[in-house]
Amino acid sequence: MDVLINVFVALHIIGIASLLGGFLTQMKAIGAGTARITPAMLHGALTMLVTGVALVGLNQADGQTVDNVKIGVKLAILLVILGIVYVKRDEETVDKGLFAAVRGLTTANIFIATLWV
């Protein structure tokens, strides 16, 4: 079971990297006002959702304790990110504020995952 959990943790990290990496590749375009949501950002957020739900289930099935409040907060943040990315995915340009929100919420999710004990 530990190997399976670690595989899903790795996939979850890949999703985070895709979401945040998609943002980082748009840095120059953000400054120019031509930034857009990339498919990598949407797929990264979806990967995070699927692997996060799987990780909760696998950890509970393995008898480990899961902090439901922490998971709830992370899920709420991820759903906001997904909403922004999904709704704005087909637009030619996206407002700087929305990009900042995606970056900030993604970063918050990372810090919650690593610092919330």
PDB file of N, CA and C in Angstrom:
ATOM      1  N   MET A   1       0.827  -1.195   0.000  1.00  0.00           N
ATOM      2  CA  MET A   1       0.000   0.000   0.000  1.00  0.00           C
ATOM      3  C   MET A   1       0.871   1.259   0.000  1.00  0.00           C
ATOM      4  N   ASP A   2       2.024   1.206   0.693  1.00  0.00           N
ATOM      5  CA  ASP A   2       2.903   2.373   0.749  1.00  0.00           C
ATOM      6  C   ASP A   2       3.395   2.778  -0.632  1.00  0.00           C
ATOM      7  N   VAL A   3       3.697   1.803  -1.470  1.00  0.00           N
ATOM      8  CA  VAL A   3       4.175   2.109  -2.818  1.00  0.00           C
ATOM      9  C   VAL A   3       3.079   2.825  -3.607  1.00  0.00           C
ATOM     10  N   LEU A   4       1.856   2.345  -3.507  1.00  0.00           N
ATOM     11  CA  LEU A   4       0.738   2.958  -4.211  1.00  0.00           C
ATOM     12  C   LEU A   4       0.493   4.383  -3.721  1.00  0.00           C
ATOM     13  N   ILE A   5       0.554   4.583  -2.428  1.00  0.00           N
ATOM     14  CA  ILE A   5       0.385   5.928  -1.874  1.00  0.00           C
ATOM     15  C   ILE A   5       1.487   6.843  -2.395  1.00  0.00           C
ATOM     16  N   ASN A   6       2.719   6.361  -2.413  1.00  0.00           N
ATOM     17  CA  ASN A   6       3.834   7.187  -2.896  1.00  0.00           C
ATOM     18  C   ASN A   6       3.710   7.509  -4.380  1.00  0.00           C
ATOM     19  N   VAL A   7       3.164   6.589  -5.162  1.00  0.00           N
ATOM     20  CA  VAL A   7       2.933   6.859  -6.588  1.00  0.00           C
ATOM     21  C   VAL A   7       1.929   7.997  -6.737  1.00  0.00           C
ATOM     22  N   PHE A   8       0.851   7.967  -5.945  1.00  0.00           N
ATOM     23  CA  PHE A   8      -0.139   9.030  -6.026  1.00  0.00           C
ATOM     24  C   PHE A   8       0.397  10.353  -5.483  1.00  0.00           C
ATOM     25  N   VAL A   9       1.276  10.298  -4.492  1.00  0.00           N
ATOM     26  CA  VAL A   9       1.913  11.534  -4.018  1.00  0.00           C
ATOM     27  C   VAL A   9       2.754  12.138  -5.146  1.00  0.00           C
ATOM     28  N   ALA A  10       3.501  11.297  -5.846  1.00  0.00           N
ATOM     29  CA  ALA A  10       4.320  11.777  -6.964  1.00  0.00           C
ATOM     30  C   ALA A  10       3.442  12.381  -8.060  1.00  0.00           C
ATOM     31  N   LEU A  11       2.336  11.725  -8.386  1.00  0.00           N
ATOM     32  CA  LEU A  11       1.422  12.259  -9.393  1.00  0.00           C
ATOM     33  C   LEU A  11       0.786  13.573  -8.937  1.00  0.00           C
ATOM     34  N   HIS A  12       0.504  13.678  -7.638  1.00  0.00           N
ATOM     35  CA  HIS A  12      -0.050  14.911  -7.076  1.00  0.00           C
ATOM     36  C   HIS A  12       0.958  16.062  -7.227  1.00  0.00           C
ATOM     37  N   ILE A  13       2.214  15.769  -6.962  1.00  0.00           N
ATOM     38  CA  ILE A  13       3.272  16.780  -7.108  1.00  0.00           C
ATOM     39  C   ILE A  13       3.430  17.184  -8.571  1.00  0.00           C
ATOM     40  N   ILE A  14       3.304  16.226  -9.482  1.00  0.00           N
ATOM     41  CA  ILE A  14       3.366  16.544 -10.908  1.00  0.00           C
ATOM     42  C   ILE A  14       2.212  17.482 -11.288  1.00  0.00           C
ATOM     43  N   GLY A  15       1.033  17.241 -10.724  1.00  0.00           N
ATOM     44  CA  GLY A  15      -0.103  18.132 -10.979  1.00  0.00           C
ATOM     45  C   GLY A  15       0.162  19.544 -10.484  1.00  0.00           C
ATOM     46  N   ILE A  16       0.732  19.654  -9.288  1.00  0.00           N
ATOM     47  CA  ILE A  16       1.070  20.968  -8.741  1.00  0.00           C
ATOM     48  C   ILE A  16       2.104  21.658  -9.626  1.00  0.00           C
ATOM     49  N   ALA A  17       3.107  20.894 -10.056  1.00  0.00           N
ATOM     50  CA  ALA A  17       4.149  21.453 -10.916  1.00  0.00           C
ATOM     51  C   ALA A  17       3.568  21.935 -12.243  1.00  0.00           C
ATOM     52  N   SER A  18       2.631  21.189 -12.788  1.00  0.00           N
ATOM     53  CA  SER A  18       1.997  21.582 -14.046  1.00  0.00           C
ATOM     54  C   SER A  18       1.198  22.869 -13.880  1.00  0.00           C
ATOM     55  N   LEU A  19       0.440  22.960 -12.812  1.00  0.00           N
ATOM     56  CA  LEU A  19      -0.366  24.154 -12.554  1.00  0.00           C
ATOM     57  C   LEU A  19       0.518  25.372 -12.323  1.00  0.00           C
ATOM     58  N   LEU A  20       1.484  25.245 -11.449  1.00  0.00           N
ATOM     59  CA  LEU A  20       2.358  26.371 -11.145  1.00  0.00           C
ATOM     60  C   LEU A  20       3.300  26.666 -12.310  1.00  0.00           C
ATOM     61  N   GLY A  21       3.760  25.626 -12.992  1.00  0.00           N
ATOM     62  CA  GLY A  21       4.630  25.814 -14.159  1.00  0.00           C
ATOM     63  C   GLY A  21       3.907  26.524 -15.291  1.00  0.00           C
ATOM     64  N   GLY A  22       2.630  26.189 -15.479  1.00  0.00           N
ATOM     65  CA  GLY A  22       1.846  26.885 -16.489  1.00  0.00           C
ATOM     66  C   GLY A  22       1.752  28.370 -16.200  1.00  0.00           C
ATOM     67  N   PHE A  23       1.632  28.697 -14.930  1.00  0.00           N
ATOM     68  CA  PHE A  23       1.628  30.106 -14.533  1.00  0.00           C
ATOM     69  C   PHE A  23       2.987  30.741 -14.814  1.00  0.00           C
ATOM     70  N   LEU A  24       4.056  30.061 -14.417  1.00  0.00           N
ATOM     71  CA  LEU A  24       5.396  30.635 -14.556  1.00  0.00           C
ATOM     72  C   LEU A  24       5.790  30.855 -16.015  1.00  0.00           C
ATOM     73  N   THR A  25       5.306  29.995 -16.906  1.00  0.00           N
ATOM     74  CA  THR A  25       5.629  30.187 -18.331  1.00  0.00           C
ATOM     75  C   THR A  25       4.930  31.408 -18.912  1.00  0.00           C
ATOM     76  N   GLN A  26       3.942  31.936 -18.225  1.00  0.00           N
ATOM     77  CA  GLN A  26       3.189  33.099 -18.694  1.00  0.00           C
ATOM     78  C   GLN A  26       3.674  34.411 -18.067  1.00  0.00           C
ATOM     79  N   MET A  27       4.764  34.383 -17.322  1.00  0.00           N
ATOM     80  CA  MET A  27       5.216  35.581 -16.604  1.00  0.00           C
ATOM     81  C   MET A  27       5.447  36.767 -17.539  1.00  0.00           C
ATOM     82  N   LYS A  28       6.144  36.550 -18.638  1.00  0.00           N
ATOM     83  CA  LYS A  28       6.400  37.646 -19.567  1.00  0.00           C
ATOM     84  C   LYS A  28       5.089  38.138 -20.193  1.00  0.00           C
ATOM     85  N   ALA A  29       4.199  37.204 -20.513  1.00  0.00           N
ATOM     86  CA  ALA A  29       2.912  37.571 -21.105  1.00  0.00           C
ATOM     87  C   ALA A  29       2.034  38.322 -20.101  1.00  0.00           C
ATOM     88  N   ILE A  30       2.159  38.005 -18.824  1.00  0.00           N
ATOM     89  CA  ILE A  30       1.396  38.728 -17.803  1.00  0.00           C
ATOM     90  C   ILE A  30       1.788  40.194 -17.813  1.00  0.00           C
ATOM     91  N   GLY A  31       3.088  40.445 -17.881  1.00  0.00           N
ATOM     92  CA  GLY A  31       3.572  41.823 -17.931  1.00  0.00           C
ATOM     93  C   GLY A  31       3.077  42.571 -19.156  1.00  0.00           C
ATOM     94  N   ALA A  32       2.945  41.848 -20.274  1.00  0.00           N
ATOM     95  CA  ALA A  32       2.493  42.467 -21.521  1.00  0.00           C
ATOM     96  C   ALA A  32       0.972  42.520 -21.618  1.00  0.00           C
ATOM     97  N   GLY A  33       0.272  41.859 -20.690  1.00  0.00           N
ATOM     98  CA  GLY A  33      -1.186  41.847 -20.720  1.00  0.00           C
ATOM     99  C   GLY A  33      -1.776  40.856 -21.708  1.00  0.00           C
ATOM    100  N   THR A  34      -0.975  39.875 -22.127  1.00  0.00           N
ATOM    101  CA  THR A  34      -1.453  38.892 -23.106  1.00  0.00           C
ATOM    102  C   THR A  34      -1.469  37.473 -22.549  1.00  0.00           C
ATOM    103  N   ALA A  35      -1.439  37.344 -21.239  1.00  0.00           N
ATOM    104  CA  ALA A  35      -1.397  36.018 -20.620  1.00  0.00           C
ATOM    105  C   ALA A  35      -2.715  35.293 -20.813  1.00  0.00           C
ATOM    106  N   ARG A  36      -2.628  33.971 -20.903  1.00  0.00           N
ATOM    107  CA  ARG A  36      -3.829  33.149 -21.019  1.00  0.00           C
ATOM    108  C   ARG A  36      -3.646  31.873 -20.220  1.00  0.00           C
ATOM    109  N   ILE A  37      -4.739  31.222 -19.924  1.00  0.00           N
ATOM    110  CA  ILE A  37      -4.708  29.954 -19.199  1.00  0.00           C
ATOM    111  C   ILE A  37      -4.252  28.876 -20.179  1.00  0.00           C
ATOM    112  N   THR A  38      -3.227  28.132 -19.803  1.00  0.00           N
ATOM    113  CA  THR A  38      -2.711  27.081 -20.678  1.00  0.00           C
ATOM    114  C   THR A  38      -3.382  25.750 -20.338  1.00  0.00           C
ATOM    115  N   PRO A  39      -3.407  24.822 -21.302  1.00  0.00           N
ATOM    116  CA  PRO A  39      -3.963  23.503 -20.994  1.00  0.00           C
ATOM    117  C   PRO A  39      -3.237  22.820 -19.836  1.00  0.00           C
ATOM    118  N   ALA A  40      -1.947  23.080 -19.692  1.00  0.00           N
ATOM    119  CA  ALA A  40      -1.185  22.478 -18.594  1.00  0.00           C
ATOM    120  C   ALA A  40      -1.742  22.892 -17.240  1.00  0.00           C
ATOM    121  N   MET A  41      -2.224  24.100 -17.144  1.00  0.00           N
ATOM    122  CA  MET A  41      -2.784  24.574 -15.881  1.00  0.00           C
ATOM    123  C   MET A  41      -4.077  23.838 -15.552  1.00  0.00           C
ATOM    124  N   LEU A  42      -4.939  23.671 -16.535  1.00  0.00           N
ATOM    125  CA  LEU A  42      -6.189  22.942 -16.316  1.00  0.00           C
ATOM    126  C   LEU A  42      -5.913  21.486 -15.985  1.00  0.00           C
ATOM    127  N   HIS A  43      -5.048  20.858 -16.753  1.00  0.00           N
ATOM    128  CA  HIS A  43      -4.746  19.445 -16.518  1.00  0.00           C
ATOM    129  C   HIS A  43      -4.031  19.234 -15.183  1.00  0.00           C
ATOM    130  N   GLY A  44      -3.194  20.185 -14.800  1.00  0.00           N
ATOM    131  CA  GLY A  44      -2.534  20.098 -13.502  1.00  0.00           C
ATOM    132  C   GLY A  44      -3.531  20.172 -12.352  1.00  0.00           C
ATOM    133  N   ALA A  45      -4.482  21.090 -12.463  1.00  0.00           N
ATOM    134  CA  ALA A  45      -5.499  21.226 -11.414  1.00  0.00           C
ATOM    135  C   ALA A  45      -6.376  19.976 -11.343  1.00  0.00           C
ATOM    136  N   LEU A  46      -6.744  19.439 -12.493  1.00  0.00           N
ATOM    137  CA  LEU A  46      -7.548  18.207 -12.503  1.00  0.00           C
ATOM    138  C   LEU A  46      -6.762  17.031 -11.936  1.00  0.00           C
ATOM    139  N   THR A  47      -5.471  16.959 -12.258  1.00  0.00           N
ATOM    140  CA  THR A  47      -4.616  15.902 -11.711  1.00  0.00           C
ATOM    141  C   THR A  47      -4.532  16.012 -10.202  1.00  0.00           C
ATOM    142  N   MET A  48      -4.403  17.236  -9.709  1.00  0.00           N
ATOM    143  CA  MET A  48      -4.367  17.440  -8.263  1.00  0.00           C
ATOM    144  C   MET A  48      -5.660  16.965  -7.611  1.00  0.00           C
ATOM    145  N   LEU A  49      -6.800  17.255  -8.226  1.00  0.00           N
ATOM    146  CA  LEU A  49      -8.085  16.857  -7.666  1.00  0.00           C
ATOM    147  C   LEU A  49      -8.206  15.334  -7.607  1.00  0.00           C
ATOM    148  N   VAL A  50      -7.938  14.675  -8.720  1.00  0.00           N
ATOM    149  CA  VAL A  50      -8.092  13.214  -8.781  1.00  0.00           C
ATOM    150  C   VAL A  50      -7.112  12.516  -7.843  1.00  0.00           C
ATOM    151  N   THR A  51      -5.856  12.929  -7.873  1.00  0.00           N
ATOM    152  CA  THR A  51      -4.865  12.255  -7.020  1.00  0.00           C
ATOM    153  C   THR A  51      -5.076  12.599  -5.554  1.00  0.00           C
ATOM    154  N   GLY A  52      -5.546  13.812  -5.259  1.00  0.00           N
ATOM    155  CA  GLY A  52      -5.818  14.183  -3.867  1.00  0.00           C
ATOM    156  C   GLY A  52      -6.934  13.345  -3.273  1.00  0.00           C
ATOM    157  N   VAL A  53      -8.007  13.165  -4.034  1.00  0.00           N
ATOM    158  CA  VAL A  53      -9.110  12.322  -3.562  1.00  0.00           C
ATOM    159  C   VAL A  53      -8.633  10.882  -3.385  1.00  0.00           C
ATOM    160  N   ALA A  54      -7.836  10.401  -4.333  1.00  0.00           N
ATOM    161  CA  ALA A  54      -7.299   9.040  -4.222  1.00  0.00           C
ATOM    162  C   ALA A  54      -6.398   8.897  -2.997  1.00  0.00           C
ATOM    163  N   LEU A  55      -5.597   9.913  -2.723  1.00  0.00           N
ATOM    164  CA  LEU A  55      -4.707   9.854  -1.562  1.00  0.00           C
ATOM    165  C   LEU A  55      -5.481   9.801  -0.253  1.00  0.00           C
ATOM    166  N   VAL A  56      -6.549  10.562  -0.159  1.00  0.00           N
ATOM    167  CA  VAL A  56      -7.363  10.515   1.053  1.00  0.00           C
ATOM    168  C   VAL A  56      -7.927   9.113   1.235  1.00  0.00           C
ATOM    169  N   GLY A  57      -8.478   8.552   0.183  1.00  0.00           N
ATOM    170  CA  GLY A  57      -9.042   7.204   0.259  1.00  0.00           C
ATOM    171  C   GLY A  57      -8.004   6.149   0.585  1.00  0.00           C
ATOM    172  N   LEU A  58      -6.851   6.236  -0.054  1.00  0.00           N
ATOM    173  CA  LEU A  58      -5.796   5.250   0.192  1.00  0.00           C
ATOM    174  C   LEU A  58      -5.268   5.349   1.617  1.00  0.00           C
ATOM    175  N   ASN A  59      -5.091   6.572   2.099  1.00  0.00           N
ATOM    176  CA  ASN A  59      -4.597   6.741   3.470  1.00  0.00           C
ATOM    177  C   ASN A  59      -5.610   6.235   4.494  1.00  0.00           C
ATOM    178  N   GLN A  60      -6.892   6.495   4.264  1.00  0.00           N
ATOM    179  CA  GLN A  60      -7.907   5.985   5.184  1.00  0.00           C
ATOM    180  C   GLN A  60      -7.987   4.463   5.111  1.00  0.00           C
ATOM    181  N   ALA A  61      -7.872   3.905   3.914  1.00  0.00           N
ATOM    182  CA  ALA A  61      -7.908   2.446   3.768  1.00  0.00           C
ATOM    183  C   ALA A  61      -6.707   1.789   4.434  1.00  0.00           C
ATOM    184  N   ASP A  62      -5.604   2.509   4.499  1.00  0.00           N
ATOM    185  CA  ASP A  62      -4.390   1.991   5.130  1.00  0.00           C
ATOM    186  C   ASP A  62      -4.408   2.165   6.648  1.00  0.00           C
ATOM    187  N   GLY A  63      -5.472   2.769   7.169  1.00  0.00           N
ATOM    188  CA  GLY A  63      -5.596   2.937   8.616  1.00  0.00           C
ATOM    189  C   GLY A  63      -4.901   4.162   9.163  1.00  0.00           C
ATOM    190  N   GLN A  64      -4.437   5.049   8.297  1.00  0.00           N
ATOM    191  CA  GLN A  64      -3.774   6.269   8.744  1.00  0.00           C
ATOM    192  C   GLN A  64      -4.830   7.331   9.047  1.00  0.00           C
ATOM    193  N   THR A  65      -4.498   8.218   9.964  1.00  0.00           N
ATOM    194  CA  THR A  65      -5.442   9.288  10.282  1.00  0.00           C
ATOM    195  C   THR A  65      -5.323  10.388   9.230  1.00  0.00           C
ATOM    196  N   VAL A  66      -6.460  10.945   8.870  1.00  0.00           N
ATOM    197  CA  VAL A  66      -6.517  12.024   7.887  1.00  0.00           C
ATOM    198  C   VAL A  66      -7.152  13.227   8.561  1.00  0.00           C
ATOM    199  N   ASP A  67      -6.500  14.379   8.446  1.00  0.00           N
ATOM    200  CA  ASP A  67      -7.031  15.621   9.010  1.00  0.00           C
ATOM    201  C   ASP A  67      -8.083  16.158   8.046  1.00  0.00           C
ATOM    202  N   ASN A  68      -9.338  15.899   8.352  1.00  0.00           N
ATOM    203  CA  ASN A  68     -10.425  16.266   7.448  1.00  0.00           C
ATOM    204  C   ASN A  68     -10.570  17.771   7.270  1.00  0.00           C
ATOM    205  N   VAL A  69     -10.242  18.545   8.286  1.00  0.00           N
ATOM    206  CA  VAL A  69     -10.324  20.004   8.162  1.00  0.00           C
ATOM    207  C   VAL A  69      -9.272  20.486   7.156  1.00  0.00           C
ATOM    208  N   LYS A  70      -8.061  19.986   7.297  1.00  0.00           N
ATOM    209  CA  LYS A  70      -6.984  20.349   6.368  1.00  0.00           C
ATOM    210  C   LYS A  70      -7.356  19.963   4.937  1.00  0.00           C
ATOM    211  N   ILE A  71      -7.857  18.756   4.755  1.00  0.00           N
ATOM    212  CA  ILE A  71      -8.239  18.279   3.425  1.00  0.00           C
ATOM    213  C   ILE A  71      -9.386  19.129   2.880  1.00  0.00           C
ATOM    214  N   GLY A  72     -10.328  19.500   3.737  1.00  0.00           N
ATOM    215  CA  GLY A  72     -11.441  20.344   3.313  1.00  0.00           C
ATOM    216  C   GLY A  72     -10.985  21.712   2.843  1.00  0.00           C
ATOM    217  N   VAL A  73     -10.037  22.306   3.572  1.00  0.00           N
ATOM    218  CA  VAL A  73      -9.505  23.613   3.185  1.00  0.00           C
ATOM    219  C   VAL A  73      -8.775  23.504   1.853  1.00  0.00           C
ATOM    220  N   LYS A  74      -7.928  22.473   1.719  1.00  0.00           N
ATOM    221  CA  LYS A  74      -7.197  22.277   0.473  1.00  0.00           C
ATOM    222  C   LYS A  74      -8.147  22.030  -0.701  1.00  0.00           C
ATOM    223  N   LEU A  75      -9.202  21.266  -0.466  1.00  0.00           N
ATOM    224  CA  LEU A  75     -10.178  20.991  -1.520  1.00  0.00           C
ATOM    225  C   LEU A  75     -10.913  22.261  -1.926  1.00  0.00           C
ATOM    226  N   ALA A  76     -11.306  23.068  -0.957  1.00  0.00           N
ATOM    227  CA  ALA A  76     -12.004  24.324  -1.261  1.00  0.00           C
ATOM    228  C   ALA A  76     -11.121  25.243  -2.103  1.00  0.00           C
ATOM    229  N   ILE A  77      -9.857  25.359  -1.724  1.00  0.00           N
ATOM    230  CA  ILE A  77      -8.925  26.189  -2.494  1.00  0.00           C
ATOM    231  C   ILE A  77      -8.770  25.637  -3.907  1.00  0.00           C
ATOM    232  N   LEU A  78      -8.611  24.329  -4.021  1.00  0.00           N
ATOM    233  CA  LEU A  78      -8.440  23.712  -5.333  1.00  0.00           C
ATOM    234  C   LEU A  78      -9.679  23.904  -6.203  1.00  0.00           C
ATOM    235  N   LEU A  79     -10.859  23.837  -5.617  1.00  0.00           N
ATOM    236  CA  LEU A  79     -12.081  24.039  -6.400  1.00  0.00           C
ATOM    237  C   LEU A  79     -12.181  25.478  -6.915  1.00  0.00           C
ATOM    238  N   VAL A  80     -11.716  26.440  -6.144  1.00  0.00           N
ATOM    239  CA  VAL A  80     -11.675  27.824  -6.619  1.00  0.00           C
ATOM    240  C   VAL A  80     -10.687  27.942  -7.785  1.00  0.00           C
ATOM    241  N   ILE A  81      -9.516  27.326  -7.634  1.00  0.00           N
ATOM    242  CA  ILE A  81      -8.524  27.336  -8.714  1.00  0.00           C
ATOM    243  C   ILE A  81      -9.115  26.697  -9.965  1.00  0.00           C
ATOM    244  N   LEU A  82      -9.723  25.533  -9.795  1.00  0.00           N
ATOM    245  CA  LEU A  82     -10.321  24.838 -10.933  1.00  0.00           C
ATOM    246  C   LEU A  82     -11.402  25.679 -11.598  1.00  0.00           C
ATOM    247  N   GLY A  83     -12.198  26.338 -10.802  1.00  0.00           N
ATOM    248  CA  GLY A  83     -13.250  27.195 -11.357  1.00  0.00           C
ATOM    249  C   GLY A  83     -12.674  28.304 -12.217  1.00  0.00           C
ATOM    250  N   ILE A  84     -11.663  28.972 -11.713  1.00  0.00           N
ATOM    251  CA  ILE A  84     -11.029  30.058 -12.477  1.00  0.00           C
ATOM    252  C   ILE A  84     -10.419  29.520 -13.765  1.00  0.00           C
ATOM    253  N   VAL A  85      -9.634  28.454 -13.644  1.00  0.00           N
ATOM    254  CA  VAL A  85      -8.916  27.909 -14.794  1.00  0.00           C
ATOM    255  C   VAL A  85      -9.894  27.366 -15.829  1.00  0.00           C
ATOM    256  N   TYR A  86     -10.942  26.683 -15.382  1.00  0.00           N
ATOM    257  CA  TYR A  86     -11.896  26.087 -16.314  1.00  0.00           C
ATOM    258  C   TYR A  86     -12.701  27.155 -17.058  1.00  0.00           C
ATOM    259  N   VAL A  87     -13.167  28.159 -16.335  1.00  0.00           N
ATOM    260  CA  VAL A  87     -13.996  29.196 -16.954  1.00  0.00           C
ATOM    261  C   VAL A  87     -13.177  30.053 -17.921  1.00  0.00           C
ATOM    262  N   LYS A  88     -11.931  30.330 -17.595  1.00  0.00           N
ATOM    263  CA  LYS A  88     -11.106  31.241 -18.393  1.00  0.00           C
ATOM    264  C   LYS A  88     -10.215  30.529 -19.415  1.00  0.00           C
ATOM    265  N   ARG A  89     -10.336  29.227 -19.560  1.00  0.00           N
ATOM    266  CA  ARG A  89      -9.421  28.459 -20.415  1.00  0.00           C
ATOM    267  C   ARG A  89      -9.488  28.817 -21.894  1.00  0.00           C
ATOM    268  N   ASP A  90     -10.617  29.296 -22.396  1.00  0.00           N
ATOM    269  CA  ASP A  90     -10.765  29.587 -23.815  1.00  0.00           C
ATOM    270  C   ASP A  90     -10.621  31.068 -24.161  1.00  0.00           C
ATOM    271  N   GLU A  91     -10.391  31.903 -23.160  1.00  0.00           N
ATOM    272  CA  GLU A  91     -10.268  33.335 -23.427  1.00  0.00           C
ATOM    273  C   GLU A  91      -8.879  33.664 -23.952  1.00  0.00           C
ATOM    274  N   GLU A  92      -8.827  34.643 -24.844  1.00  0.00           N
ATOM    275  CA  GLU A  92      -7.555  35.050 -25.453  1.00  0.00           C
ATOM    276  C   GLU A  92      -6.584  35.632 -24.430  1.00  0.00           C
ATOM    277  N   THR A  93      -7.106  36.441 -23.521  1.00  0.00           N
ATOM    278  CA  THR A  93      -6.276  37.001 -22.461  1.00  0.00           C
ATOM    279  C   THR A  93      -7.029  36.915 -21.136  1.00  0.00           C
ATOM    280  N   VAL A  94      -6.250  36.835 -20.072  1.00  0.00           N
ATOM    281  CA  VAL A  94      -6.821  36.746 -18.731  1.00  0.00           C
ATOM    282  C   VAL A  94      -6.250  37.892 -17.895  1.00  0.00           C
ATOM    283  N   ASP A  95      -7.083  38.475 -17.080  1.00  0.00           N
ATOM    284  CA  ASP A  95      -6.695  39.590 -16.225  1.00  0.00           C
ATOM    285  C   ASP A  95      -5.539  39.196 -15.299  1.00  0.00           C
ATOM    286  N   LYS A  96      -4.654  40.155 -15.047  1.00  0.00           N
ATOM    287  CA  LYS A  96      -3.522  39.918 -14.154  1.00  0.00           C
ATOM    288  C   LYS A  96      -3.975  39.477 -12.762  1.00  0.00           C
ATOM    289  N   GLY A  97      -5.087  40.028 -12.305  1.00  0.00           N
ATOM    290  CA  GLY A  97      -5.595  39.691 -10.980  1.00  0.00           C
ATOM    291  C   GLY A  97      -5.985  38.230 -10.854  1.00  0.00           C
ATOM    292  N   LEU A  98      -6.586  37.680 -11.906  1.00  0.00           N
ATOM    293  CA  LEU A  98      -6.950  36.264 -11.873  1.00  0.00           C
ATOM    294  C   LEU A  98      -5.715  35.375 -11.891  1.00  0.00           C
ATOM    295  N   PHE A  99      -4.717  35.787 -12.668  1.00  0.00           N
ATOM    296  CA  PHE A  99      -3.474  35.020 -12.657  1.00  0.00           C
ATOM    297  C   PHE A  99      -2.817  35.068 -11.279  1.00  0.00           C
ATOM    298  N   ALA A 100      -2.847  36.240 -10.669  1.00  0.00           N
ATOM    299  CA  ALA A 100      -2.285  36.368  -9.324  1.00  0.00           C
ATOM    300  C   ALA A 100      -3.064  35.507  -8.336  1.00  0.00           C
ATOM    301  N   ALA A 101      -4.377  35.427  -8.509  1.00  0.00           N
ATOM    302  CA  ALA A 101      -5.199  34.596  -7.632  1.00  0.00           C
ATOM    303  C   ALA A 101      -4.833  33.120  -7.785  1.00  0.00           C
ATOM    304  N   VAL A 102      -4.664  32.667  -9.022  1.00  0.00           N
ATOM    305  CA  VAL A 102      -4.278  31.267  -9.251  1.00  0.00           C
ATOM    306  C   VAL A 102      -2.924  30.986  -8.617  1.00  0.00           C
ATOM    307  N   ARG A 103      -1.977  31.893  -8.822  1.00  0.00           N
ATOM    308  CA  ARG A 103      -0.645  31.718  -8.223  1.00  0.00           C
ATOM    309  C   ARG A 103      -0.722  31.706  -6.705  1.00  0.00           C
ATOM    310  N   GLY A 104      -1.426  32.663  -6.139  1.00  0.00           N
ATOM    311  CA  GLY A 104      -1.516  32.753  -4.685  1.00  0.00           C
ATOM    312  C   GLY A 104      -2.217  31.559  -4.069  1.00  0.00           C
ATOM    313  N   LEU A 105      -3.311  31.129  -4.679  1.00  0.00           N
ATOM    314  CA  LEU A 105      -4.043  29.983  -4.146  1.00  0.00           C
ATOM    315  C   LEU A 105      -3.246  28.685  -4.283  1.00  0.00           C
ATOM    316  N   THR A 106      -2.544  28.535  -5.390  1.00  0.00           N
ATOM    317  CA  THR A 106      -1.697  27.348  -5.565  1.00  0.00           C
ATOM    318  C   THR A 106      -0.579  27.338  -4.532  1.00  0.00           C
ATOM    319  N   THR A 107       0.039  28.478  -4.342  1.00  0.00           N
ATOM    320  CA  THR A 107       1.104  28.582  -3.336  1.00  0.00           C
ATOM    321  C   THR A 107       0.548  28.329  -1.938  1.00  0.00           C
ATOM    322  N   ALA A 108      -0.627  28.850  -1.649  1.00  0.00           N
ATOM    323  CA  ALA A 108      -1.252  28.604  -0.350  1.00  0.00           C
ATOM    324  C   ALA A 108      -1.506  27.117  -0.149  1.00  0.00           C
ATOM    325  N   ASN A 109      -1.965  26.440  -1.186  1.00  0.00           N
ATOM    326  CA  ASN A 109      -2.209  25.002  -1.085  1.00  0.00           C
ATOM    327  C   ASN A 109      -0.920  24.238  -0.790  1.00  0.00           C
ATOM    328  N   ILE A 110       0.166  24.660  -1.407  1.00  0.00           N
ATOM    329  CA  ILE A 110       1.459  24.014  -1.158  1.00  0.00           C
ATOM    330  C   ILE A 110       1.871  24.214   0.296  1.00  0.00           C
ATOM    331  N   PHE A 111       1.741  25.443   0.790  1.00  0.00           N
ATOM    332  CA  PHE A 111       2.131  25.713   2.173  1.00  0.00           C
ATOM    333  C   PHE A 111       1.211  25.009   3.173  1.00  0.00           C
ATOM    334  N   ILE A 112      -0.059  24.924   2.858  1.00  0.00           N
ATOM    335  CA  ILE A 112      -0.968  24.190   3.750  1.00  0.00           C
ATOM    336  C   ILE A 112      -0.567  22.719   3.797  1.00  0.00           C
ATOM    337  N   ALA A 113      -0.244  22.159   2.655  1.00  0.00           N
ATOM    338  CA  ALA A 113       0.140  20.744   2.592  1.00  0.00           C
ATOM    339  C   ALA A 113       1.412  20.472   3.392  1.00  0.00           C
ATOM    340  N   THR A 114       2.353  21.402   3.351  1.00  0.00           N
ATOM    341  CA  THR A 114       3.645  21.136   3.983  1.00  0.00           C
ATOM    342  C   THR A 114       3.766  21.654   5.410  1.00  0.00           C
ATOM    343  N   LEU A 115       3.055  22.707   5.758  1.00  0.00           N
ATOM    344  CA  LEU A 115       3.250  23.321   7.073  1.00  0.00           C
ATOM    345  C   LEU A 115       2.146  22.997   8.087  1.00  0.00           C
ATOM    346  N   TRP A 116       0.966  22.688   7.622  1.00  0.00           N
ATOM    347  CA  TRP A 116      -0.152  22.386   8.523  1.00  0.00           C
ATOM    348  C   TRP A 116       0.087  21.006   9.110  1.00  0.00           C
ATOM    349  N   VAL A 117       0.320  20.957  10.405  1.00  0.00           N
ATOM    350  CA  VAL A 117       0.600  19.670  11.059  1.00  0.00           C
ATOM    351  C   VAL A 117      -0.539  19.220  11.826  1.00  0.00           C
TER     352      VAL A 117
END
